[in-house]
Amino acid sequence: MTIEEAFGIVIRRLRRERNLSQEKLSTASSLDRKFISNLEGGKQQPSLVSVFALAGALNATASSLLYEAEFILKINTPEKLRNDGGCSKIDWISSMEIMMNNGHNCYQGSETILIVDDEKQLRDMLSDFLVSYGYNVILAEDGLDALDKFRQNHQEINLVVMDVVMPRKDGITCFREIKDLHPGTKVLFMSGYRPDHLHADDDFRMIQKPFSPVEMIKAIRKVLEEPAPSGEK
């Protein structure tokens, strides 16, 4: 993923969240509509002037736009590229402060979340992110490890956030085995695949990659607040 694509995701999310058409955003920011369209499509590199213009039109800060784009870039960049120097670790404290100041503290919680992903850096980043919002976090490196951690801590776990493609035991298999153990367990997948490609059923919850931190925390709260089947967790 490129920084242009990541920034485009941020602008597109904010524009839709504020119910603005590209035309209205163009008028409010004094930027050309084609420029905005190319920006949202990841085909246009934003200038510093355009970042400030868009931030003002979207009732955001320039720093919050850049931090969110940086988060998206890091969380959706393969580990090999990150290790080769493509991305450095995000300044989590500053990033979370900005998100809190922009009204995202309503997504805070105290529940326990099991994060399952075979990339250590991604697990650590998501853990830092969720802990900063007040959540308790348990980490697992793949589906096999997740089942062990789930059996040991199932009474405390409120949600499992899990990747799909993992070694030893994939996310779909792990999902079914967790559901066999405790049918009421809530699971949220992270995947670049669409649910229909995974032959998912109605009980399948997924956040599609690439996603922003705002989309992630919203998805987590939405799943947590859904009623559990049969009165279970």
C-alpha atoms as a PDB file:
ATOM      1  CA  MET A   1       0.000   0.000   0.000  1.00  0.00           C
ATOM      2  CA  THR A   2       1.178   3.543  -0.784  1.00  0.00           C
ATOM      3  CA  ILE A   3       0.800   6.683   1.311  1.00  0.00           C
ATOM      4  CA  GLU A   4      -1.438   8.056  -1.453  1.00  0.00           C
ATOM      5  CA  GLU A   5      -3.812   5.094  -1.097  1.00  0.00           C
ATOM      6  CA  ALA A   6      -3.811   5.379   2.695  1.00  0.00           C
ATOM      7  CA  PHE A   7      -4.537   9.106   2.603  1.00  0.00           C
ATOM      8  CA  GLY A   8      -7.322   8.492   0.075  1.00  0.00           C
ATOM      9  CA  ILE A   9      -8.990   6.053   2.476  1.00  0.00           C
ATOM     10  CA  VAL A  10      -8.937   8.684   5.234  1.00  0.00           C
ATOM     11  CA  ILE A  11     -10.454  11.413   3.056  1.00  0.00           C
ATOM     12  CA  ARG A  12     -13.127   9.100   1.650  1.00  0.00           C
ATOM     13  CA  ARG A  13     -14.146   7.942   5.143  1.00  0.00           C
ATOM     14  CA  LEU A  14     -14.391  11.458   6.533  1.00  0.00           C
ATOM     15  CA  ARG A  15     -16.289  12.778   3.537  1.00  0.00           C
ATOM     16  CA  ARG A  16     -18.884  10.008   3.775  1.00  0.00           C
ATOM     17  CA  GLU A  17     -19.091  10.306   7.556  1.00  0.00           C
ATOM     18  CA  ARG A  18     -19.904  13.998   7.171  1.00  0.00           C
ATOM     19  CA  ASN A  19     -22.354  13.271   4.340  1.00  0.00           C
ATOM     20  CA  LEU A  20     -20.450  15.365   1.790  1.00  0.00           C
ATOM     21  CA  SER A  21     -20.320  14.723  -1.939  1.00  0.00           C
ATOM     22  CA  GLN A  22     -17.025  15.224  -3.736  1.00  0.00           C
ATOM     23  CA  GLU A  23     -18.561  18.346  -5.256  1.00  0.00           C
ATOM     24  CA  LYS A  24     -19.398  19.804  -1.844  1.00  0.00           C
ATOM     25  CA  LEU A  25     -15.950  18.943  -0.501  1.00  0.00           C
ATOM     26  CA  SER A  26     -14.426  20.598  -3.554  1.00  0.00           C
ATOM     27  CA  THR A  27     -16.376  23.783  -2.867  1.00  0.00           C
ATOM     28  CA  ALA A  28     -15.618  23.790   0.862  1.00  0.00           C
ATOM     29  CA  SER A  29     -11.884  23.183   0.371  1.00  0.00           C
ATOM     30  CA  SER A  30     -11.442  25.252  -2.827  1.00  0.00           C
ATOM     31  CA  LEU A  31      -9.764  22.220  -4.389  1.00  0.00           C
ATOM     32  CA  ASP A  32     -10.544  20.883  -7.842  1.00  0.00           C
ATOM     33  CA  ARG A  33     -13.104  18.049  -7.856  1.00  0.00           C
ATOM     34  CA  LYS A  34     -10.930  15.891 -10.123  1.00  0.00           C
ATOM     35  CA  PHE A  35      -8.045  16.415  -7.692  1.00  0.00           C
ATOM     36  CA  ILE A  36     -10.244  15.138  -4.843  1.00  0.00           C
ATOM     37  CA  SER A  37     -11.436  12.174  -6.919  1.00  0.00           C
ATOM     38  CA  ASN A  38      -7.848  11.210  -7.743  1.00  0.00           C
ATOM     39  CA  LEU A  39      -6.879  11.720  -4.100  1.00  0.00           C
ATOM     40  CA  GLU A  40      -9.592   9.367  -2.848  1.00  0.00           C
ATOM     41  CA  GLY A  41      -8.579   6.837  -5.485  1.00  0.00           C
ATOM     42  CA  GLY A  42      -4.981   6.843  -4.264  1.00  0.00           C
ATOM     43  CA  LYS A  43      -3.737   8.337  -7.539  1.00  0.00           C
ATOM     44  CA  GLN A  44      -2.794  11.779  -6.248  1.00  0.00           C
ATOM     45  CA  GLN A  45      -0.096  12.761  -3.777  1.00  0.00           C
ATOM     46  CA  PRO A  46      -1.470  15.397  -1.365  1.00  0.00           C
ATOM     47  CA  SER A  47       0.479  18.599  -0.917  1.00  0.00           C
ATOM     48  CA  LEU A  48       0.802  20.271   2.478  1.00  0.00           C
ATOM     49  CA  VAL A  49      -1.542  23.032   1.303  1.00  0.00           C
ATOM     50  CA  SER A  50      -4.193  20.527   0.206  1.00  0.00           C
ATOM     51  CA  VAL A  51      -3.924  18.615   3.516  1.00  0.00           C
ATOM     52  CA  PHE A  52      -4.712  21.786   5.477  1.00  0.00           C
ATOM     53  CA  ALA A  53      -7.493  22.742   3.043  1.00  0.00           C
ATOM     54  CA  LEU A  54      -9.137  19.330   3.357  1.00  0.00           C
ATOM     55  CA  ALA A  55      -8.731  19.287   7.133  1.00  0.00           C
ATOM     56  CA  GLY A  56     -10.551  22.616   7.423  1.00  0.00           C
ATOM     57  CA  ALA A  57     -13.352  21.503   5.097  1.00  0.00           C
ATOM     58  CA  LEU A  58     -13.784  18.218   6.980  1.00  0.00           C
ATOM     59  CA  ASN A  59     -13.684  19.816  10.438  1.00  0.00           C
ATOM     60  CA  ALA A  60     -10.552  17.881  11.350  1.00  0.00           C
ATOM     61  CA  THR A  61      -6.902  18.706  11.979  1.00  0.00           C
ATOM     62  CA  ALA A  62      -4.114  18.191   9.476  1.00  0.00           C
ATOM     63  CA  SER A  63      -2.167  16.143  12.018  1.00  0.00           C
ATOM     64  CA  SER A  64      -5.106  13.791  12.629  1.00  0.00           C
ATOM     65  CA  LEU A  65      -5.411  13.128   8.875  1.00  0.00           C
ATOM     66  CA  LEU A  66      -1.703  12.338   8.604  1.00  0.00           C
ATOM     67  CA  TYR A  67      -1.619  10.154  11.714  1.00  0.00           C
ATOM     68  CA  GLU A  68      -4.599   8.114  10.524  1.00  0.00           C
ATOM     69  CA  ALA A  69      -3.035   7.696   7.077  1.00  0.00           C
ATOM     70  CA  GLU A  70       0.202   6.597   8.758  1.00  0.00           C
ATOM     71  CA  PHE A  71      -1.691   4.035  10.835  1.00  0.00           C
ATOM     72  CA  ILE A  72      -3.433   2.604   7.755  1.00  0.00           C
ATOM     73  CA  LEU A  73      -0.124   2.421   5.883  1.00  0.00           C
ATOM     74  CA  LYS A  74       1.609   0.553   8.701  1.00  0.00           C
ATOM     75  CA  ILE A  75      -1.191  -1.865   9.517  1.00  0.00           C
ATOM     76  CA  ASN A  76      -1.637  -2.813   5.859  1.00  0.00           C
ATOM     77  CA  THR A  77       2.055  -3.035   4.893  1.00  0.00           C
ATOM     78  CA  PRO A  78       3.568  -6.564   4.835  1.00  0.00           C
ATOM     79  CA  GLU A  79       5.982  -7.244   7.681  1.00  0.00           C
ATOM     80  CA  LYS A  80       8.902  -7.795   5.262  1.00  0.00           C
ATOM     81  CA  LEU A  81       8.547  -4.279   3.882  1.00  0.00           C
ATOM     82  CA  ARG A  82       8.311  -2.824   7.378  1.00  0.00           C
ATOM     83  CA  ASN A  83      11.459  -4.701   8.405  1.00  0.00           C
ATOM     84  CA  ASP A  84      13.237  -3.486   5.275  1.00  0.00           C
ATOM     85  CA  GLY A  85      12.730   0.067   6.390  1.00  0.00           C
ATOM     86  CA  GLY A  86       9.520   0.849   4.520  1.00  0.00           C
ATOM     87  CA  CYS A  87       7.760   1.976   7.708  1.00  0.00           C
ATOM     88  CA  SER A  88       8.880   2.852  11.212  1.00  0.00           C
ATOM     89  CA  LYS A  89       6.754   2.228  14.323  1.00  0.00           C
ATOM     90  CA  ILE A  90       3.952   4.736  14.748  1.00  0.00           C
ATOM     91  CA  ASP A  91       4.012   7.280  17.578  1.00  0.00           C
ATOM     92  CA  TRP A  92       1.120   5.613  19.386  1.00  0.00           C
ATOM     93  CA  ILE A  93       0.802   8.072  22.271  1.00  0.00           C
ATOM     94  CA  SER A  94       0.452  11.093  19.987  1.00  0.00           C
ATOM     95  CA  SER A  95      -1.857   9.212  17.632  1.00  0.00           C
ATOM     96  CA  MET A  96      -4.220   8.114  20.380  1.00  0.00           C
ATOM     97  CA  GLU A  97      -4.278  11.583  21.955  1.00  0.00           C
ATOM     98  CA  ILE A  98      -5.335  13.062  18.619  1.00  0.00           C
ATOM     99  CA  MET A  99      -8.075  10.492  18.128  1.00  0.00           C
ATOM    100  CA  MET A 100      -9.393  11.032  21.668  1.00  0.00           C
ATOM    101  CA  ASN A 101      -9.423  14.805  21.167  1.00  0.00           C
ATOM    102  CA  ASN A 102     -11.436  14.311  17.978  1.00  0.00           C
ATOM    103  CA  GLY A 103     -14.345  12.703  19.807  1.00  0.00           C
ATOM    104  CA  HIS A 104     -13.444   9.011  19.587  1.00  0.00           C
ATOM    105  CA  ASN A 105     -13.391   8.478  23.375  1.00  0.00           C
ATOM    106  CA  CYS A 106     -16.987   7.218  23.068  1.00  0.00           C
ATOM    107  CA  TYR A 107     -15.477   3.964  21.757  1.00  0.00           C
ATOM    108  CA  GLN A 108     -13.580   3.259  24.969  1.00  0.00           C
ATOM    109  CA  GLY A 109     -14.269   0.045  26.869  1.00  0.00           C
ATOM    110  CA  SER A 110     -13.030  -2.291  29.566  1.00  0.00           C
ATOM    111  CA  GLU A 111     -13.760  -5.638  27.923  1.00  0.00           C
ATOM    112  CA  THR A 112     -11.160  -8.339  27.272  1.00  0.00           C
ATOM    113  CA  ILE A 113     -10.220  -8.944  23.633  1.00  0.00           C
ATOM    114  CA  LEU A 114      -8.233 -11.871  22.238  1.00  0.00           C
ATOM    115  CA  ILE A 115      -6.147 -10.705  19.247  1.00  0.00           C
ATOM    116  CA  VAL A 116      -5.042 -13.463  16.869  1.00  0.00           C
ATOM    117  CA  ASP A 117      -2.543 -12.768  14.082  1.00  0.00           C
ATOM    118  CA  ASP A 118       0.647 -14.455  12.932  1.00  0.00           C
ATOM    119  CA  GLU A 119       2.527 -11.139  12.522  1.00  0.00           C
ATOM    120  CA  LYS A 120       4.041 -10.107  15.855  1.00  0.00           C
ATOM    121  CA  GLN A 121       4.350  -6.428  14.934  1.00  0.00           C
ATOM    122  CA  LEU A 122       0.697  -6.263  13.919  1.00  0.00           C
ATOM    123  CA  ARG A 123      -0.367  -7.981  17.162  1.00  0.00           C
ATOM    124  CA  ASP A 124       1.670  -5.502  19.183  1.00  0.00           C
ATOM    125  CA  MET A 125       0.302  -2.495  17.276  1.00  0.00           C
ATOM    126  CA  LEU A 126      -3.302  -3.603  17.741  1.00  0.00           C
ATOM    127  CA  SER A 127      -2.625  -4.342  21.394  1.00  0.00           C
ATOM    128  CA  ASP A 128      -1.204  -0.836  21.974  1.00  0.00           C
ATOM    129  CA  PHE A 129      -4.173   0.635  20.130  1.00  0.00           C
ATOM    130  CA  LEU A 130      -6.816  -1.233  22.161  1.00  0.00           C
ATOM    131  CA  VAL A 131      -5.075  -0.814  25.520  1.00  0.00           C
ATOM    132  CA  SER A 132      -5.010   2.947  24.910  1.00  0.00           C
ATOM    133  CA  TYR A 133      -8.821   2.760  24.706  1.00  0.00           C
ATOM    134  CA  GLY A 134      -9.069   0.908  28.035  1.00  0.00           C
ATOM    135  CA  TYR A 135      -9.441  -2.669  26.793  1.00  0.00           C
ATOM    136  CA  ASN A 136      -7.694  -5.705  28.239  1.00  0.00           C
ATOM    137  CA  VAL A 137      -5.799  -7.682  25.603  1.00  0.00           C
ATOM    138  CA  ILE A 138      -4.686 -11.300  25.247  1.00  0.00           C
ATOM    139  CA  LEU A 139      -2.410 -12.147  22.293  1.00  0.00           C
ATOM    140  CA  ALA A 140      -2.215 -15.327  20.202  1.00  0.00           C
ATOM    141  CA  GLU A 141       0.106 -15.993  17.258  1.00  0.00           C
ATOM    142  CA  ASP A 142      -2.176 -18.280  15.212  1.00  0.00           C
ATOM    143  CA  GLY A 143      -5.371 -20.327  15.394  1.00  0.00           C
ATOM    144  CA  LEU A 144      -3.798 -23.137  17.410  1.00  0.00           C
ATOM    145  CA  ASP A 145      -2.421 -20.739  19.999  1.00  0.00           C
ATOM    146  CA  ALA A 146      -5.772 -18.912  20.020  1.00  0.00           C
ATOM    147  CA  LEU A 147      -7.651 -22.081  20.967  1.00  0.00           C
ATOM    148  CA  ASP A 148      -5.269 -22.691  23.881  1.00  0.00           C
ATOM    149  CA  LYS A 149      -5.605 -19.087  25.072  1.00  0.00           C
ATOM    150  CA  PHE A 150      -9.376 -19.220  24.625  1.00  0.00           C
ATOM    151  CA  ARG A 151      -9.738 -22.415  26.672  1.00  0.00           C
ATOM    152  CA  GLN A 152      -7.660 -20.878  29.463  1.00  0.00           C
ATOM    153  CA  ASN A 153      -9.455 -17.517  29.492  1.00  0.00           C
ATOM    154  CA  HIS A 154     -12.901 -18.039  27.904  1.00  0.00           C
ATOM    155  CA  GLN A 155     -14.759 -16.730  30.956  1.00  0.00           C
ATOM    156  CA  GLU A 156     -12.999 -13.363  30.631  1.00  0.00           C
ATOM    157  CA  ILE A 157     -12.875 -13.020  26.818  1.00  0.00           C
ATOM    158  CA  ASN A 158     -15.621 -10.799  25.398  1.00  0.00           C
ATOM    159  CA  LEU A 159     -14.423 -10.700  21.780  1.00  0.00           C
ATOM    160  CA  VAL A 160     -11.952 -12.468  19.495  1.00  0.00           C
ATOM    161  CA  VAL A 161     -10.351 -10.301  16.767  1.00  0.00           C
ATOM    162  CA  MET A 162      -8.719 -12.654  14.305  1.00  0.00           C
ATOM    163  CA  ASP A 163      -6.928 -12.811  10.961  1.00  0.00           C
ATOM    164  CA  VAL A 164      -8.113 -15.388   8.402  1.00  0.00           C
ATOM    165  CA  VAL A 165      -4.915 -16.722   6.789  1.00  0.00           C
ATOM    166  CA  MET A 166      -2.511 -18.092   9.431  1.00  0.00           C
ATOM    167  CA  PRO A 167      -0.113 -21.053   9.737  1.00  0.00           C
ATOM    168  CA  ARG A 168      -0.847 -24.217  11.756  1.00  0.00           C
ATOM    169  CA  LYS A 169      -4.576 -23.389  12.101  1.00  0.00           C
ATOM    170  CA  ASP A 170      -6.393 -20.811   9.967  1.00  0.00           C
ATOM    171  CA  GLY A 171      -8.953 -18.342  11.273  1.00  0.00           C
ATOM    172  CA  ILE A 172     -12.035 -20.024   9.789  1.00  0.00           C
ATOM    173  CA  THR A 173     -11.192 -23.389  11.367  1.00  0.00           C
ATOM    174  CA  CYS A 174     -10.401 -21.700  14.676  1.00  0.00           C
ATOM    175  CA  PHE A 175     -13.689 -19.759  14.485  1.00  0.00           C
ATOM    176  CA  ARG A 176     -15.702 -22.971  14.097  1.00  0.00           C
ATOM    177  CA  GLU A 177     -13.894 -24.715  16.947  1.00  0.00           C
ATOM    178  CA  ILE A 178     -14.364 -21.725  19.262  1.00  0.00           C
ATOM    179  CA  LYS A 179     -18.079 -21.702  18.366  1.00  0.00           C
ATOM    180  CA  ASP A 180     -18.282 -25.429  19.143  1.00  0.00           C
ATOM    181  CA  LEU A 181     -16.786 -24.759  22.580  1.00  0.00           C
ATOM    182  CA  HIS A 182     -18.876 -21.649  23.340  1.00  0.00           C
ATOM    183  CA  PRO A 183     -21.546 -20.808  20.723  1.00  0.00           C
ATOM    184  CA  GLY A 184     -22.143 -17.319  22.117  1.00  0.00           C
ATOM    185  CA  THR A 185     -18.551 -16.129  21.635  1.00  0.00           C
ATOM    186  CA  LYS A 186     -18.243 -12.999  19.502  1.00  0.00           C
ATOM    187  CA  VAL A 187     -15.612 -13.048  16.733  1.00  0.00           C
ATOM    188  CA  LEU A 188     -14.506 -10.232  14.421  1.00  0.00           C
ATOM    189  CA  PHE A 189     -12.291 -11.120  11.454  1.00  0.00           C
ATOM    190  CA  MET A 190      -9.702  -8.902   9.772  1.00  0.00           C
ATOM    191  CA  SER A 191      -9.304  -9.844   6.128  1.00  0.00           C
ATOM    192  CA  GLY A 192      -8.678  -8.590   2.628  1.00  0.00           C
ATOM    193  CA  TYR A 193     -11.193 -11.174   1.386  1.00  0.00           C
ATOM    194  CA  ARG A 194     -14.916 -10.504   1.097  1.00  0.00           C
ATOM    195  CA  PRO A 195     -17.252 -12.582   3.311  1.00  0.00           C
ATOM    196  CA  ASP A 196     -18.815 -14.308   0.264  1.00  0.00           C
ATOM    197  CA  HIS A 197     -15.362 -15.454  -0.863  1.00  0.00           C
ATOM    198  CA  LEU A 198     -14.898 -17.098   2.526  1.00  0.00           C
ATOM    199  CA  HIS A 199     -18.286 -18.861   2.352  1.00  0.00           C
ATOM    200  CA  ALA A 200     -19.255 -17.126   5.589  1.00  0.00           C
ATOM    201  CA  ASP A 201     -22.615 -17.540   7.288  1.00  0.00           C
ATOM    202  CA  ASP A 202     -24.815 -14.968   9.029  1.00  0.00           C
ATOM    203  CA  ASP A 203     -22.804 -15.258  12.245  1.00  0.00           C
ATOM    204  CA  PHE A 204     -19.654 -14.006  10.498  1.00  0.00           C
ATOM    205  CA  ARG A 205     -18.422 -10.483  11.379  1.00  0.00           C
ATOM    206  CA  MET A 206     -15.559  -8.962   9.430  1.00  0.00           C
ATOM    207  CA  ILE A 207     -13.687  -5.704   8.954  1.00  0.00           C
ATOM    208  CA  GLN A 208     -12.279  -5.489   5.449  1.00  0.00           C
ATOM    209  CA  LYS A 209      -8.655  -4.561   4.877  1.00  0.00           C
ATOM    210  CA  PRO A 210      -7.466  -1.917   4.393  1.00  0.00           C
ATOM    211  CA  PHE A 211      -9.125  -0.288   7.395  1.00  0.00           C
ATOM    212  CA  SER A 212      -8.485   2.820   9.465  1.00  0.00           C
ATOM    213  CA  PRO A 213      -8.159   2.900  13.276  1.00  0.00           C
ATOM    214  CA  VAL A 214     -11.523   4.653  13.478  1.00  0.00           C
ATOM    215  CA  GLU A 215     -13.179   1.900  11.435  1.00  0.00           C
ATOM    216  CA  MET A 216     -11.541  -0.750  13.621  1.00  0.00           C
ATOM    217  CA  ILE A 217     -12.633   0.716  16.945  1.00  0.00           C
ATOM    218  CA  LYS A 218     -16.163   1.314  15.609  1.00  0.00           C
ATOM    219  CA  ALA A 219     -16.395  -2.300  14.401  1.00  0.00           C
ATOM    220  CA  ILE A 220     -15.182  -3.595  17.762  1.00  0.00           C
ATOM    221  CA  ARG A 221     -17.752  -1.572  19.721  1.00  0.00           C
ATOM    222  CA  LYS A 222     -20.532  -2.569  17.324  1.00  0.00           C
ATOM    223  CA  VAL A 223     -19.828  -6.283  17.762  1.00  0.00           C
ATOM    224  CA  LEU A 224     -19.380  -5.968  21.519  1.00  0.00           C
ATOM    225  CA  GLU A 225     -22.731  -4.231  21.878  1.00  0.00           C
ATOM    226  CA  GLU A 226     -24.643  -6.799  19.832  1.00  0.00           C
ATOM    227  CA  PRO A 227     -26.679  -9.244  21.951  1.00  0.00           C
ATOM    228  CA  ALA A 228     -24.972 -12.624  22.333  1.00  0.00           C
ATOM    229  CA  PRO A 229     -26.867 -15.761  21.255  1.00  0.00           C
ATOM    230  CA  SER A 230     -28.560 -17.795  24.005  1.00  0.00           C
ATOM    231  CA  GLY A 231     -27.646 -15.172  26.606  1.00  0.00           C
ATOM    232  CA  GLU A 232     -23.982 -16.214  26.485  1.00  0.00           C
ATOM    233  CA  LYS A 233     -20.909 -13.968  26.250  1.00  0.00           C
END
